[in-house]
Protein backbone atom coordinates (compact mmCIF):
# COMPACT_ATOMS: atom_id res chain seq x y z
CA MET A 1 -13.77 -25.67 -31.32
CA LEU A 2 -11.84 -27.26 -28.11
CA ARG A 3 -9.16 -28.66 -29.88
CA ARG A 4 -7.78 -25.87 -31.56
CA LEU A 5 -8.29 -23.71 -28.46
CA LEU A 6 -6.23 -26.04 -26.05
CA PRO A 7 -2.97 -25.71 -28.06
CA ILE A 8 -3.56 -21.77 -28.06
CA VAL A 9 -4.27 -22.01 -24.55
CA ALA A 10 -1.60 -24.24 -22.95
CA ALA A 11 0.89 -22.09 -25.07
CA LEU A 12 -0.20 -19.04 -23.03
CA SER A 13 -0.29 -20.66 -20.34
CA LEU A 14 3.51 -22.18 -20.34
CA ILE A 15 4.18 -18.75 -21.29
CA LEU A 16 3.16 -17.51 -18.01
CA CYS A 17 4.98 -20.71 -15.87
CA LEU A 18 7.92 -19.16 -17.44
CA ALA A 19 7.14 -15.84 -15.86
CA VAL A 20 6.33 -17.22 -12.20
CA VAL A 21 9.97 -18.99 -12.73
CA VAL A 22 11.26 -15.75 -13.08
CA LEU A 23 9.33 -13.85 -10.49
CA TRP A 24 10.32 -16.63 -7.58
CA VAL A 25 13.97 -16.44 -8.45
CA ARG A 26 13.51 -12.45 -8.40
CA SER A 27 11.70 -13.12 -5.19
CA TRP A 28 15.06 -14.22 -3.17
CA HIS A 29 17.07 -11.35 -4.32
CA ALA A 30 14.20 -8.50 -4.11
CA LEU A 31 11.09 -7.68 -2.34
CA ASP A 32 8.46 -6.54 -4.75
CA GLN A 33 4.75 -4.93 -4.19
CA PHE A 34 1.78 -3.75 -6.17
CA THR A 35 -0.78 -2.51 -5.22
CA GLU A 36 -4.39 -1.69 -5.92
CA VAL A 37 -7.23 0.30 -4.70
CA VAL A 38 -10.29 -1.37 -5.17
CA GLY A 39 -13.86 0.20 -3.68
CA GLY A 40 -11.96 2.67 -1.92
CA HIS A 41 -9.67 -0.18 -0.12
CA ARG A 42 -6.25 -0.54 -0.52
CA TYR A 43 -4.89 -4.20 -1.56
CA THR A 44 -1.18 -5.08 -1.52
CA PHE A 45 0.37 -7.95 -3.62
CA THR A 46 3.84 -9.00 -2.01
CA SER A 47 6.62 -10.87 -3.98
CA THR A 48 9.14 -12.20 -1.60
CA GLU A 49 11.38 -14.92 -0.76
CA GLY A 50 9.34 -17.61 -2.67
CA VAL A 51 6.18 -16.57 -1.92
CA VAL A 52 3.10 -14.16 -3.20
CA SER A 53 0.79 -12.77 -0.72
CA VAL A 54 -2.17 -10.61 -0.83
CA ILE A 55 -2.91 -8.05 2.42
CA GLY A 56 -6.17 -6.24 2.31
CA PRO A 57 -7.43 -3.80 4.52
CA PRO A 58 -8.74 -4.60 8.74
CA PRO A 59 -12.02 -6.22 9.16
CA ALA A 60 -14.62 -3.35 9.18
CA ALA A 61 -16.98 -2.86 12.50
CA SER A 62 -19.47 -5.82 12.39
CA ASN A 63 -22.41 -3.13 13.20
CA PRO A 64 -23.46 -1.60 9.53
CA ASP A 65 -24.91 1.14 12.07
CA THR A 66 -21.46 1.53 12.99
CA ARG A 67 -19.27 1.01 10.50
CA LYS A 68 -20.96 3.67 8.02
CA SER A 69 -20.96 6.18 11.24
CA ALA A 70 -16.61 5.61 11.36
CA ASP A 71 -16.79 6.28 7.92
CA ALA A 72 -18.47 9.13 7.96
CA ALA A 73 -16.63 10.39 10.78
CA VAL A 74 -12.95 9.88 8.91
CA ALA A 75 -14.10 11.94 6.17
CA SER A 76 -14.67 14.56 8.63
CA ILE A 77 -10.90 14.73 9.52
CA ARG A 78 -8.60 17.05 8.18
CA ASN A 79 -4.46 17.49 8.46
CA SER A 80 -5.25 20.76 10.63
CA ASP A 81 -6.99 19.12 13.20
CA PHE A 82 -3.86 18.52 15.28
CA THR A 83 -1.33 21.31 16.87
CA TRP A 84 1.89 21.03 19.09
CA LEU A 85 2.77 22.99 21.89
CA VAL A 86 5.95 23.95 21.81
CA TRP A 87 7.95 25.57 24.76
CA LEU A 88 10.48 28.12 23.26
CA ASP A 89 13.43 29.99 25.27
CA ASN A 90 14.41 33.25 24.39
CA SER A 91 17.19 33.54 27.27
CA ARG A 92 20.19 33.17 24.71
CA LEU A 93 20.93 35.09 21.85
CA LEU A 94 19.22 32.05 19.89
CA VAL A 95 15.67 31.02 20.35
CA SER A 96 15.70 27.19 20.94
CA VAL A 97 13.17 24.82 21.69
CA ASP A 98 12.96 23.63 25.38
CA SER A 99 10.35 20.78 24.43
CA ILE A 100 7.79 19.76 22.23
CA CYS A 101 4.51 18.28 23.44
CA PRO A 102 2.64 15.17 22.13
CA PRO A 103 0.15 16.51 18.92
CA LYS A 104 -3.17 17.29 20.82
CA ARG A 105 -6.64 17.40 19.23
CA ARG A 106 -8.06 20.81 18.25
CA ALA A 107 -11.65 21.10 20.32
CA GLY A 108 -14.67 20.13 17.53
CA SER A 109 -12.14 19.05 14.92
CA GLY A 110 -13.78 15.70 13.16
CA SER A 111 -10.78 13.76 14.58
CA ALA A 112 -11.22 14.93 18.43
CA TYR A 113 -15.01 13.12 17.04
CA ALA A 114 -13.68 10.11 15.65
CA GLU A 115 -11.40 9.48 18.28
CA GLN A 116 -14.11 10.05 21.09
CA ALA A 117 -17.17 8.29 19.28
CA PHE A 118 -15.25 5.09 17.93
CA THR A 119 -13.04 2.32 18.89
CA ALA A 120 -9.61 2.45 17.27
CA ALA A 121 -10.74 -1.18 15.81
CA ASP A 122 -13.89 0.48 14.29
CA LEU A 123 -11.48 3.19 12.82
CA ALA A 124 -8.93 0.86 11.87
CA ARG A 125 -10.55 0.68 8.24
CA PRO A 126 -11.08 3.63 7.27
CA LEU A 127 -8.43 5.09 8.44
CA LEU A 128 -6.28 3.06 6.05
CA SER A 129 -8.29 4.42 3.46
CA ALA A 130 -7.66 8.04 4.43
CA LEU A 131 -3.93 7.20 3.95
CA ASP A 132 -4.55 8.06 0.24
CA ASP A 133 -6.21 11.53 0.61
CA PRO A 134 -3.39 14.47 0.52
CA ALA A 135 -5.96 16.36 3.26
CA ARG A 136 -6.13 13.61 5.78
CA PHE A 137 -2.99 11.38 5.74
CA ALA A 138 -1.13 13.25 8.49
CA ALA A 139 -4.31 13.11 10.46
CA ALA A 140 -5.00 9.52 9.87
CA HIS A 141 -1.31 8.79 10.79
CA LEU A 142 -1.64 10.65 14.10
CA LEU A 143 -4.85 8.94 15.34
CA LEU A 144 -3.67 5.63 13.95
CA CYS A 145 -0.45 6.40 16.03
CA ARG A 146 -2.74 6.88 19.34
CA GLY A 147 -5.25 4.09 18.72
CA TRP A 148 -2.45 1.82 18.08
CA SER A 149 1.04 2.34 18.84
CA THR A 150 3.42 4.83 21.38
CA TRP A 151 4.57 8.00 20.31
CA SER A 152 8.02 8.45 18.87
CA LYS A 153 9.21 12.14 18.31
CA ARG A 154 12.68 12.86 17.15
CA LEU A 155 13.86 16.75 16.84
CA VAL A 156 15.37 17.70 13.86
CA ALA A 157 15.98 21.37 13.35
CA SER A 158 14.96 23.95 16.10
CA GLN A 159 17.28 26.64 16.15
CA LEU A 160 16.00 30.00 14.93
CA PRO A 161 18.60 33.06 14.98
CA VAL A 162 17.42 36.57 16.72
CA ASP A 163 18.28 40.05 16.54
CA GLU A 164 19.03 40.61 19.97
CA GLY A 165 16.58 42.30 21.98
CA ALA A 166 14.29 42.58 18.94
CA GLY A 167 12.52 38.73 19.40
CA VAL A 168 12.35 36.35 16.22
CA ARG A 169 13.13 37.30 12.50
CA GLU A 170 12.69 35.15 9.65
CA ALA A 171 15.91 32.80 9.60
CA PRO A 172 18.04 33.27 6.61
CA TYR A 173 19.81 29.95 6.15
CA ASP A 174 18.20 27.40 3.98
CA GLU A 175 17.76 24.66 6.33
CA PHE A 176 15.95 26.32 8.04
CA LEU A 177 13.35 27.59 5.23
CA ASP A 178 10.77 25.47 3.46
CA SER A 179 9.87 26.37 -0.41
CA ASP A 180 7.60 29.37 0.52
CA GLY A 181 10.46 31.48 2.61
CA GLN A 182 8.78 31.10 5.68
CA ALA A 183 10.67 30.01 8.64
CA ILE A 184 10.07 26.87 10.27
CA TRP A 185 10.21 26.79 13.77
CA ALA A 186 10.72 23.18 14.24
CA ARG A 187 10.47 20.33 12.75
CA VAL A 188 9.84 17.04 13.89
CA VAL A 189 10.01 13.17 13.21
CA GLN A 190 6.29 11.80 14.18
CA ASP A 191 6.71 7.95 14.05
CA GLY A 192 8.02 8.39 10.81
CA LEU A 193 6.34 11.20 9.28
CA THR A 194 8.21 14.71 9.13
CA ILE A 195 6.03 17.64 10.22
CA ASP A 196 7.47 21.41 10.12
CA LEU A 197 5.74 23.10 12.84
CA ARG A 198 4.79 26.91 13.12
CA LEU A 199 3.01 29.55 14.48
CA PRO A 200 -0.15 30.46 12.66
CA ALA A 201 -0.13 32.91 10.45
CA GLU A 202 -2.16 35.46 12.36
CA ASP A 203 -0.02 35.37 15.19
CA GLY A 204 2.70 36.55 13.59
CA ALA A 205 6.33 36.58 15.19
CA PRO A 206 6.14 36.24 18.96
CA ALA A 207 8.43 38.96 20.84
CA PHE A 208 9.43 37.86 24.41
CA SER A 209 11.80 37.07 27.12
CA GLY A 210 13.08 33.92 28.58
CA SER A 211 10.36 30.75 28.16
CA VAL A 212 6.60 30.40 26.61
CA GLY A 213 4.91 28.17 24.91
CA TYR A 214 2.63 28.46 21.64
CA ASP A 215 0.33 26.36 19.75
CA PHE A 216 1.98 25.65 16.65
CA VAL A 217 0.72 24.13 13.29
CA GLY A 218 1.98 21.27 11.39
CA TYR A 219 2.81 20.77 7.67
CA PRO A 220 3.38 17.42 7.54
CA ASP A 221 5.49 15.91 4.41
CA PRO A 222 3.71 13.97 1.68
CA LYS A 223 7.31 12.61 0.33
CA ASP A 224 6.81 10.23 3.80
CA LEU A 225 3.61 8.88 2.84
CA PRO A 226 4.99 6.09 0.98
CA ALA A 227 6.45 4.42 4.39
CA ILE A 228 4.05 5.67 6.21
CA ARG A 229 1.42 3.92 3.92
CA GLN A 230 3.56 0.62 4.21
CA ARG A 231 3.98 0.80 7.83
CA TRP A 232 0.34 0.55 8.50
CA THR A 233 -0.63 -2.14 5.77
CA ARG A 234 2.26 -4.14 7.39
CA GLU A 235 0.94 -3.59 11.08
CA LEU A 236 -2.76 -3.76 10.51
CA GLY A 237 -3.60 -5.41 6.74
CA VAL A 238 -5.03 -8.75 7.15
CA THR A 239 -3.17 -11.65 5.14
CA MET A 240 -6.03 -12.62 2.73
CA ALA A 241 -4.10 -15.36 0.43
CA VAL A 242 -0.71 -16.56 0.46
CA VAL A 243 0.51 -19.32 -3.06
CA PRO A 244 4.13 -20.27 -2.70
CA TYR A 245 5.76 -19.75 -6.41
CA PRO A 246 6.55 -23.49 -6.65
CA ALA A 247 2.76 -24.29 -6.40
CA ALA A 248 2.04 -21.35 -8.93
CA MET A 249 4.14 -22.86 -11.21
CA TRP A 250 2.70 -26.37 -11.40
CA GLY A 251 -0.54 -25.00 -11.61
CA THR A 252 0.84 -23.06 -14.55
CA LEU A 253 2.26 -26.35 -16.25
CA VAL A 254 -1.56 -28.34 -15.84
CA LEU A 255 -2.59 -26.98 -18.97
CA PRO A 256 0.36 -27.57 -21.09
CA ALA A 257 0.58 -31.47 -19.57
CA VAL A 258 -3.23 -31.81 -20.55
CA TRP A 259 -2.09 -30.98 -24.05
CA LEU A 260 0.67 -33.34 -24.29
CA LEU A 261 -1.42 -36.16 -23.00
CA THR A 262 -3.84 -35.29 -25.60
CA LEU A 263 -1.35 -35.33 -28.41
CA PHE A 264 0.07 -38.76 -27.15
CA TRP A 265 -3.32 -40.01 -26.94
CA ARG A 266 -4.25 -39.09 -30.24
CA ALA A 267 -1.12 -40.75 -31.68
CA GLY A 268 -1.63 -44.00 -30.14
CA VAL A 269 -5.59 -44.20 -31.37
CA ARG A 270 -4.05 -43.44 -34.43
CA ARG A 271 -1.48 -45.82 -34.35
CA ARG A 272 -4.01 -48.74 -33.32
CA ARG A 273 -5.84 -47.84 -36.20
CA ARG A 274 -3.45 -48.50 -38.62
CA TRP A 275 -2.56 -52.01 -37.02
CA SER A 276 -6.26 -52.74 -37.20
CA ASN A 277 -6.37 -51.74 -41.24
CA ARG A 278 -8.86 -48.72 -40.01
CA CYS A 279 -8.63 -45.12 -40.80
CA PRO A 280 -6.64 -43.19 -38.55
CA ALA A 281 -8.70 -40.62 -38.69
CA CYS A 282 -11.75 -41.51 -37.83
CA GLY A 283 -11.73 -45.77 -37.24
CA TYR A 284 -13.56 -46.95 -40.24
CA TYR A 285 -12.61 -50.36 -41.40
CA LEU A 286 -11.10 -50.00 -44.85
CA ARG A 287 -10.96 -53.04 -46.47
CA ALA A 288 -12.01 -52.00 -50.39
CA THR A 289 -10.42 -48.73 -50.34
CA PRO A 290 -6.76 -49.37 -48.40
CA ASP A 291 -4.95 -46.06 -49.88
CA ARG A 292 -8.07 -43.51 -48.55
CA CYS A 293 -10.88 -43.69 -46.22
CA PRO A 294 -14.43 -43.74 -48.24
CA GLU A 295 -15.99 -41.92 -44.73
CA CYS A 296 -13.89 -38.78 -44.48
CA GLY A 297 -11.52 -38.90 -47.15
CA SER A 298 -8.77 -38.62 -45.12
CA ALA A 299 -5.90 -40.69 -46.16
CA ALA A 300 -5.16 -43.86 -44.95
């Protein structure tokens, strides 16, 4: 059975070797990534510059109770846990954003509890998993920023036309409207995540004169999620294995080499048996029947 399986396995290994060589050459010209979620945690396989690496999640909290509590706390966070204090100025004919304060946690929210009760290291692993949940990814990103980074905010769009003396009206321009046709009061890029900021619907459009601050709610853009996930995987992920392509190539050549050595060894055995007047197949001494082996029936 082993004699029959070895050529098949060796051929498959040789095909795999050719695939490794192709990926090796490609790794010097392109970055390839493959991600798999196992047990709720993301593992990333990266191929670049002649090396394959496996990046896993950061270590969990060492205390089992802390680990379980941190997972439960992160499960309760929501994107709506954060608000932004936005200062508007209506001293001219255009409503403009004077300033946008860093996001703040709503009192009593899941994000507030998670950040107050646990360290950044305890939250890192469950927060990375939360990036895969559309209802939690923005809150997870903001909590990771608060624990592992510094705030970086860029104002993209902030001005909305108004009727003179009539307060704010809906913006007629597409660049200030979202897909629902609701006015976007401000748009920021918060550490790589684009967030549209608007007043809660129940507050309505404010009418004011001068400068005033409002708590705006954020609507994150899901299109930024792949880049956000890649960033935090790169910064917090743990490299679990690194395999150079040359090592992988030589590893896949082991079985084909064993098969070839086996063929050469068998050929040598048959040749020596013929020279000594023995059956090439079983080694039985051929004296009375030099043309065919009486033991196994093989032709001499």
